[in-house]
Amino acid sequence: MDAVRFRVLAIEGKRSTNSDIQVGETYVGEANDLRNRVYYTDEAGDDWIFYVDDTCEIIDL
């Protein structure tokens, strides 16, 4: 997997109280080999999967 910078377009699922993830913000995660999913773990330890062109957009590879 490759590190990528991505912007969150939508959040699906529940966030824990301490989660820092926000729509419109940019984060660094890991893209799968097909570059259609981005995996991210937030400060609260919540694991997220974002789908490229659906719930996130890749800014930089």
C-alpha atoms as a PDB file:
ATOM      1  CA  MET A   1       0.000   0.000   0.000  1.00  0.00           C
ATOM      2  CA  ASP A   2       1.112   3.547  -0.724  1.00  0.00           C
ATOM      3  CA  ALA A   3       0.746   6.609   1.477  1.00  0.00           C
ATOM      4  CA  VAL A   4      -1.622   9.218  -0.004  1.00  0.00           C
ATOM      5  CA  ARG A   5      -3.039  12.563   1.022  1.00  0.00           C
ATOM      6  CA  PHE A   6      -6.830  12.571   0.701  1.00  0.00           C
ATOM      7  CA  ARG A   7      -9.840  14.803   1.377  1.00  0.00           C
ATOM      8  CA  VAL A   8     -12.907  13.395   3.124  1.00  0.00           C
ATOM      9  CA  LEU A   9     -16.125  13.913   1.120  1.00  0.00           C
ATOM     10  CA  ALA A  10     -18.509  11.955   3.372  1.00  0.00           C
ATOM     11  CA  ILE A  11     -18.411   9.965   6.587  1.00  0.00           C
ATOM     12  CA  GLU A  12     -20.285   6.682   6.768  1.00  0.00           C
ATOM     13  CA  GLY A  13     -20.670   4.982  10.117  1.00  0.00           C
ATOM     14  CA  LYS A  14     -20.407   6.189  13.672  1.00  0.00           C
ATOM     15  CA  ARG A  15     -17.509   8.139  15.095  1.00  0.00           C
ATOM     16  CA  SER A  16     -16.252   7.685  18.630  1.00  0.00           C
ATOM     17  CA  THR A  17     -16.397  10.672  20.963  1.00  0.00           C
ATOM     18  CA  ASN A  18     -12.704  11.461  20.497  1.00  0.00           C
ATOM     19  CA  SER A  19     -12.639  11.041  16.716  1.00  0.00           C
ATOM     20  CA  ASP A  20     -11.033  13.944  14.847  1.00  0.00           C
ATOM     21  CA  ILE A  21     -12.233  13.005  11.344  1.00  0.00           C
ATOM     22  CA  GLN A  22     -14.201  15.748   9.557  1.00  0.00           C
ATOM     23  CA  VAL A  23     -15.749  16.211   6.122  1.00  0.00           C
ATOM     24  CA  GLY A  24     -13.686  18.557   3.963  1.00  0.00           C
ATOM     25  CA  GLU A  25     -10.457  18.023   5.882  1.00  0.00           C
ATOM     26  CA  THR A  26      -7.292  16.505   4.411  1.00  0.00           C
ATOM     27  CA  TYR A  27      -5.493  13.526   5.970  1.00  0.00           C
ATOM     28  CA  VAL A  28      -2.718  11.061   5.122  1.00  0.00           C
ATOM     29  CA  GLY A  29      -3.756   7.427   4.748  1.00  0.00           C
ATOM     30  CA  GLU A  30      -2.847   4.329   2.770  1.00  0.00           C
ATOM     31  CA  ALA A  31      -4.341   3.491  -0.626  1.00  0.00           C
ATOM     32  CA  ASN A  32      -4.828  -0.090  -1.737  1.00  0.00           C
ATOM     33  CA  ASP A  33      -3.080  -1.320  -4.897  1.00  0.00           C
ATOM     34  CA  LEU A  34      -6.073  -0.465  -7.119  1.00  0.00           C
ATOM     35  CA  ARG A  35      -6.218   3.029  -5.578  1.00  0.00           C
ATOM     36  CA  ASN A  36      -9.964   2.743  -5.071  1.00  0.00           C
ATOM     37  CA  ARG A  37      -9.867   2.620  -1.244  1.00  0.00           C
ATOM     38  CA  VAL A  38      -8.027   4.641   1.384  1.00  0.00           C
ATOM     39  CA  TYR A  39      -7.423   3.311   4.884  1.00  0.00           C
ATOM     40  CA  TYR A  40      -6.995   5.735   7.778  1.00  0.00           C
ATOM     41  CA  THR A  41      -6.752   5.448  11.572  1.00  0.00           C
ATOM     42  CA  ASP A  42      -7.739   8.618  13.427  1.00  0.00           C
ATOM     43  CA  GLU A  43      -6.387  10.005  16.708  1.00  0.00           C
ATOM     44  CA  ALA A  44      -9.050   8.109  18.669  1.00  0.00           C
ATOM     45  CA  GLY A  45      -7.870   4.812  17.170  1.00  0.00           C
ATOM     46  CA  ASP A  46     -10.940   4.428  14.939  1.00  0.00           C
ATOM     47  CA  ASP A  47     -10.180   2.643  11.655  1.00  0.00           C
ATOM     48  CA  TRP A  48     -11.792   4.094   8.539  1.00  0.00           C
ATOM     49  CA  ILE A  49     -12.150   2.959   4.943  1.00  0.00           C
ATOM     50  CA  PHE A  50     -12.896   5.668   2.391  1.00  0.00           C
ATOM     51  CA  TYR A  51     -13.870   4.969  -1.218  1.00  0.00           C
ATOM     52  CA  VAL A  52     -12.182   7.087  -3.894  1.00  0.00           C
ATOM     53  CA  ASP A  53     -14.601   9.354  -5.815  1.00  0.00           C
ATOM     54  CA  ASP A  54     -17.367   8.438  -3.350  1.00  0.00           C
ATOM     55  CA  THR A  55     -16.410   9.226   0.243  1.00  0.00           C
ATOM     56  CA  CYS A  56     -12.950  10.707  -0.497  1.00  0.00           C
ATOM     57  CA  GLU A  57     -10.737  12.147  -3.187  1.00  0.00           C
ATOM     58  CA  ILE A  58      -7.007  11.588  -3.479  1.00  0.00           C
ATOM     59  CA  ILE A  59      -5.028  14.839  -3.407  1.00  0.00           C
ATOM     60  CA  ASP A  60      -1.443  13.529  -3.718  1.00  0.00           C
ATOM     61  CA  LEU A  61       0.075  10.110  -4.223  1.00  0.00           C
END
